[in-house]
Amino acid sequence: TFRWELVNVATCFLEGREYRMNGQHTSWARFEAQLDKKARCPVNWLRYDADTDADMRQLYATFDRGKPRMTGNVVVAYLYGRPEFDGYSQSILKQMAEGLAFWLWEEGSVRSVHTGDERSYLLLKDHYKTAAFVGNFMRGSPSPKQNKHLKRSPVTAALFATFSKAPQVALEFWNVVRDGVGVTDKEDPRHVLRNYLMTTGLSRIPQTDIKTVTQEEMYRGCISCWNLHRASKTTRTIRPSMIEKRPGAK
């Protein structure tokens, strides 16, 4: 599908500096192609000017919007390196965008309609306060291995749901779920949830030979344990109802 005779390189000027937007890979592919020396294969140079950093980010996010440009890449293009998310890794930004979408829109078909552009805007504007709480928690893990069981979309969605409701309580709750420190009661919802996340995998369709659940079931399990904790109740197992309406964080 590579058309060597149709190559564009795009750059953008912002505050006296020129940034490459697109085209370096197709340029190299054209350069290394085995072409007849008489073949005419010019490279078009598209030069843009941007008034603000946000304008340049928006321009960059518009390139390669086919299969190579995934939702996570668009989110990174908009948010990575911005002062509002200073120090955030690209992987955390992608994870936050996925978690936000899972929290806001229950149906996968609905989530897929909301692009990286919209998710970026919601993280930056409408839900920025909650996103800051969630992001700071995600970055606060002493070791990546300690929060490996939390790095899943439904769990990140539960972070958004709980931090939006009671930030300080949520921080204490998820610190225990992440680290397992400070809990001695095996029926404490935080202890039960930690064990559940560390021993349960994800699958689109629950399987009987290994312990797996759907994303929605895992999300509901997280919210169920949160609500029990808020009500000072105990539990032994996590068995959320998949028939009733999705529960909200209390």
Protein backbone atom coordinates (compact mmCIF):
# COMPACT_ATOMS: atom_id res chain seq x y z
CA THR A 1 0.00 0.00 0.00
CA PHE A 2 3.04 2.32 0.06
CA ARG A 3 2.91 4.81 -2.81
CA TRP A 4 6.50 5.94 -3.24
CA GLU A 5 5.53 8.71 -5.65
CA LEU A 6 3.18 10.29 -3.08
CA VAL A 7 5.29 11.35 -0.10
CA ASN A 8 4.55 14.35 2.11
CA VAL A 9 6.66 15.71 4.94
CA ALA A 10 4.85 18.05 7.34
CA THR A 11 6.48 20.46 9.77
CA CYS A 12 5.09 23.17 12.01
CA PHE A 13 6.57 26.42 13.29
CA LEU A 14 5.82 27.47 16.86
CA GLU A 15 7.56 30.30 18.68
CA GLY A 16 10.63 30.24 16.47
CA ARG A 17 11.10 26.45 16.46
CA GLU A 18 10.18 23.97 13.74
CA TYR A 19 8.68 20.61 14.72
CA ARG A 20 8.27 17.54 12.52
CA MET A 21 4.64 16.46 12.31
CA ASN A 22 4.68 13.56 9.89
CA GLY A 23 6.36 11.92 6.94
CA GLN A 24 9.74 10.74 8.19
CA HIS A 25 8.92 7.06 7.78
CA THR A 26 7.52 7.35 4.26
CA SER A 27 10.49 9.52 3.33
CA TRP A 28 12.94 6.84 4.43
CA ALA A 29 10.90 4.15 2.72
CA ARG A 30 11.05 6.13 -0.52
CA PHE A 31 14.77 6.73 -0.07
CA GLU A 32 15.49 3.02 0.39
CA ALA A 33 13.12 1.81 -2.33
CA GLN A 34 14.78 0.15 -5.33
CA LEU A 35 13.66 2.64 -7.97
CA ASP A 36 14.80 3.37 -11.48
CA LYS A 37 17.17 6.36 -11.40
CA LYS A 38 14.99 8.07 -13.97
CA ALA A 39 11.87 7.79 -11.80
CA ARG A 40 10.54 11.16 -10.70
CA CYS A 41 9.70 10.91 -7.02
CA PRO A 42 9.56 14.31 -5.34
CA VAL A 43 8.86 14.79 -1.65
CA ASN A 44 6.34 17.49 -0.84
CA TRP A 45 7.14 19.69 2.14
CA LEU A 46 4.06 20.98 3.94
CA ARG A 47 4.94 23.79 6.36
CA TYR A 48 2.41 24.93 8.94
CA ASP A 49 2.38 27.75 11.50
CA ALA A 50 0.78 27.40 14.93
CA ASP A 51 -0.14 30.18 17.35
CA THR A 52 -0.21 27.99 20.47
CA ASP A 53 1.07 24.66 21.75
CA ALA A 54 -2.52 23.37 21.80
CA ASP A 55 -2.92 24.24 18.10
CA MET A 56 0.22 22.29 17.22
CA ARG A 57 -0.90 19.28 19.25
CA GLN A 58 -4.26 19.33 17.48
CA LEU A 59 -2.51 19.45 14.10
CA TYR A 60 -0.26 16.52 15.00
CA ALA A 61 -3.23 14.45 16.19
CA THR A 62 -4.94 14.82 12.79
CA PHE A 63 -2.23 12.94 10.87
CA ASP A 64 -2.39 9.19 10.25
CA ARG A 65 -5.90 8.73 11.55
CA GLY A 66 -6.18 5.33 9.89
CA LYS A 67 -5.28 2.08 11.61
CA PRO A 68 -1.78 3.15 12.76
CA ARG A 69 -3.14 6.06 14.78
CA MET A 70 -4.77 4.35 17.74
CA THR A 71 -6.83 6.05 20.45
CA GLY A 72 -3.95 5.92 22.91
CA ASN A 73 -1.61 7.62 20.43
CA VAL A 74 -4.07 10.46 19.97
CA VAL A 75 -4.38 10.90 23.75
CA VAL A 76 -0.59 11.03 24.09
CA ALA A 77 -0.36 13.58 21.27
CA TYR A 78 -2.74 15.88 23.13
CA LEU A 79 -1.63 15.41 26.73
CA TYR A 80 1.95 14.14 27.01
CA GLY A 81 4.29 16.86 28.22
CA ARG A 82 1.57 19.35 29.06
CA PRO A 83 1.97 21.25 32.35
CA GLU A 84 -1.31 19.76 33.61
CA PHE A 85 0.18 16.26 33.33
CA ASP A 86 3.82 17.04 34.02
CA GLY A 87 5.78 13.88 34.78
CA TYR A 88 3.08 11.49 33.58
CA SER A 89 4.33 8.63 31.44
CA GLN A 90 2.66 7.86 28.13
CA SER A 91 1.45 4.50 29.45
CA ILE A 92 -0.30 6.14 32.42
CA LEU A 93 -2.02 8.68 30.16
CA LYS A 94 -3.27 5.88 27.90
CA GLN A 95 -4.45 3.87 30.89
CA MET A 96 -6.26 6.88 32.35
CA ALA A 97 -8.04 7.55 29.06
CA GLU A 98 -9.19 3.93 28.87
CA GLY A 99 -10.32 3.94 32.48
CA LEU A 100 -12.20 7.21 32.09
CA ALA A 101 -14.08 5.86 29.08
CA PHE A 102 -14.95 2.63 30.88
CA TRP A 103 -16.28 4.62 33.82
CA LEU A 104 -18.36 7.03 31.75
CA TRP A 105 -19.80 4.61 29.16
CA GLU A 106 -20.82 1.11 30.18
CA GLU A 107 -21.36 -0.32 26.70
CA GLY A 108 -18.27 -1.09 24.64
CA SER A 109 -20.05 -0.05 21.45
CA VAL A 110 -20.67 3.37 23.00
CA ARG A 111 -17.09 3.73 24.25
CA SER A 112 -15.71 3.07 20.79
CA VAL A 113 -17.60 6.06 19.42
CA HIS A 114 -15.83 8.47 21.77
CA THR A 115 -12.46 9.18 20.16
CA GLY A 116 -9.10 10.01 21.66
CA ASP A 117 -9.83 13.67 20.98
CA GLU A 118 -12.89 13.60 23.24
CA ARG A 119 -11.24 11.52 25.94
CA SER A 120 -8.30 13.93 26.01
CA TYR A 121 -10.64 16.90 26.37
CA LEU A 122 -12.52 15.24 29.22
CA LEU A 123 -9.29 14.44 31.07
CA LEU A 124 -8.03 17.98 30.58
CA LYS A 125 -11.27 19.84 31.27
CA ASP A 126 -14.47 18.26 32.60
CA HIS A 127 -12.84 15.57 34.75
CA TYR A 128 -9.40 17.07 35.34
CA LYS A 129 -9.74 17.29 39.13
CA THR A 130 -10.56 13.59 39.42
CA ALA A 131 -7.95 12.72 36.79
CA ALA A 132 -5.29 14.47 38.87
CA PHE A 133 -6.21 12.38 41.93
CA VAL A 134 -6.19 9.17 39.90
CA GLY A 135 -2.95 10.03 38.11
CA ASN A 136 -1.11 10.93 41.29
CA PHE A 137 -2.16 7.63 42.85
CA MET A 138 -1.06 5.67 39.79
CA ARG A 139 2.32 7.39 39.79
CA GLY A 140 2.78 6.86 43.52
CA SER A 141 3.47 3.12 43.43
CA PRO A 142 6.90 2.31 44.89
CA SER A 143 7.35 -0.43 42.30
CA PRO A 144 5.54 -1.25 39.03
CA LYS A 145 5.15 -4.84 40.23
CA GLN A 146 3.16 -3.66 43.25
CA ASN A 147 0.32 -2.23 41.18
CA LYS A 148 0.38 -4.70 38.32
CA HIS A 149 -2.97 -6.07 39.47
CA LEU A 150 -4.44 -2.56 39.18
CA LYS A 151 -3.33 -1.87 35.60
CA ARG A 152 -6.56 -2.89 33.92
CA SER A 153 -9.25 -0.69 32.41
CA PRO A 154 -12.10 -1.71 34.77
CA VAL A 155 -9.89 -1.11 37.83
CA THR A 156 -8.80 2.29 36.53
CA ALA A 157 -12.47 3.04 35.91
CA ALA A 158 -13.17 2.15 39.55
CA LEU A 159 -10.40 4.56 40.57
CA PHE A 160 -12.24 7.34 38.74
CA ALA A 161 -15.57 6.37 40.28
CA THR A 162 -14.25 6.31 43.84
CA PHE A 163 -11.90 9.31 43.69
CA SER A 164 -14.72 11.38 42.23
CA LYS A 165 -16.84 10.49 45.25
CA ALA A 166 -14.43 10.77 48.21
CA PRO A 167 -10.77 11.45 47.27
CA GLN A 168 -9.15 10.98 50.69
CA VAL A 169 -11.10 7.83 51.52
CA ALA A 170 -10.35 6.48 48.04
CA LEU A 171 -6.61 7.08 48.50
CA GLU A 172 -6.61 5.11 51.76
CA PHE A 173 -8.78 2.38 50.24
CA TRP A 174 -6.65 1.85 47.13
CA ASN A 175 -3.36 2.09 49.01
CA VAL A 176 -4.44 -1.00 50.94
CA VAL A 177 -5.67 -2.77 47.79
CA ARG A 178 -2.35 -2.02 46.10
CA ASP A 179 0.09 -2.72 48.94
CA GLY A 180 -1.84 -5.03 51.27
CA VAL A 181 -0.56 -3.14 54.32
CA GLY A 182 -2.71 -2.29 57.33
CA VAL A 183 -5.36 -5.00 57.05
CA THR A 184 -5.58 -8.06 59.31
CA ASP A 185 -9.24 -9.01 58.89
CA LYS A 186 -9.59 -11.46 56.00
CA GLU A 187 -13.19 -10.33 55.52
CA ASP A 188 -12.20 -6.71 55.07
CA PRO A 189 -13.45 -5.67 51.58
CA ARG A 190 -10.05 -4.17 50.79
CA HIS A 191 -8.27 -7.43 51.57
CA VAL A 192 -10.87 -9.44 49.62
CA LEU A 193 -10.57 -7.11 46.63
CA ARG A 194 -6.77 -7.27 46.64
CA ASN A 195 -6.79 -11.08 46.57
CA TYR A 196 -9.50 -11.04 43.91
CA LEU A 197 -7.51 -8.76 41.58
CA MET A 198 -4.27 -10.66 42.12
CA THR A 199 -5.81 -14.03 41.29
CA THR A 200 -8.37 -13.18 38.63
CA GLY A 201 -7.78 -12.64 34.91
CA LEU A 202 -9.86 -10.93 32.27
CA SER A 203 -11.72 -12.54 29.40
CA ARG A 204 -14.50 -11.39 27.10
CA ILE A 205 -16.33 -14.59 28.01
CA PRO A 206 -15.87 -16.11 31.51
CA GLN A 207 -14.12 -19.49 31.36
CA THR A 208 -14.61 -22.44 33.64
CA ASP A 209 -11.11 -23.96 33.55
CA ILE A 210 -9.34 -20.83 34.88
CA LYS A 211 -10.52 -17.98 37.07
CA THR A 212 -11.48 -15.22 34.65
CA VAL A 213 -14.21 -12.61 34.52
CA THR A 214 -15.38 -10.01 32.04
CA GLN A 215 -14.25 -6.40 32.34
CA GLU A 216 -17.69 -5.30 33.46
CA GLU A 217 -17.79 -7.97 36.16
CA MET A 218 -14.39 -6.87 37.48
CA TYR A 219 -15.52 -3.24 37.56
CA ARG A 220 -18.67 -4.14 39.46
CA GLY A 221 -16.61 -6.22 41.88
CA CYS A 222 -14.41 -3.21 42.64
CA ILE A 223 -17.39 -0.94 43.21
CA SER A 224 -19.11 -3.57 45.35
CA CYS A 225 -16.10 -3.78 47.68
CA TRP A 226 -15.86 0.01 47.83
CA ASN A 227 -19.51 0.34 48.80
CA LEU A 228 -19.15 -2.34 51.48
CA HIS A 229 -16.11 -0.56 52.88
CA ARG A 230 -17.98 2.74 52.97
CA ALA A 231 -20.81 1.05 54.86
CA SER A 232 -18.33 -0.59 57.31
CA LYS A 233 -19.44 -4.06 56.23
CA THR A 234 -17.44 -7.23 55.64
CA THR A 235 -17.50 -9.85 52.92
CA ARG A 236 -15.93 -13.17 52.05
CA THR A 237 -16.42 -13.28 48.31
CA ILE A 238 -16.99 -11.00 45.34
CA ARG A 239 -20.03 -11.93 43.33
CA PRO A 240 -21.48 -8.83 41.69
CA SER A 241 -24.84 -9.05 39.97
CA MET A 242 -24.62 -8.82 36.19
CA ILE A 243 -28.38 -8.59 35.78
CA GLU A 244 -29.09 -5.43 37.71
CA LYS A 245 -28.15 -1.91 36.68
CA ARG A 246 -24.48 -1.01 37.03
CA PRO A 247 -23.95 0.14 40.65
CA GLY A 248 -22.63 3.59 41.45
CA ALA A 249 -19.89 4.37 43.96
CA LYS A 250 -21.34 5.55 47.27
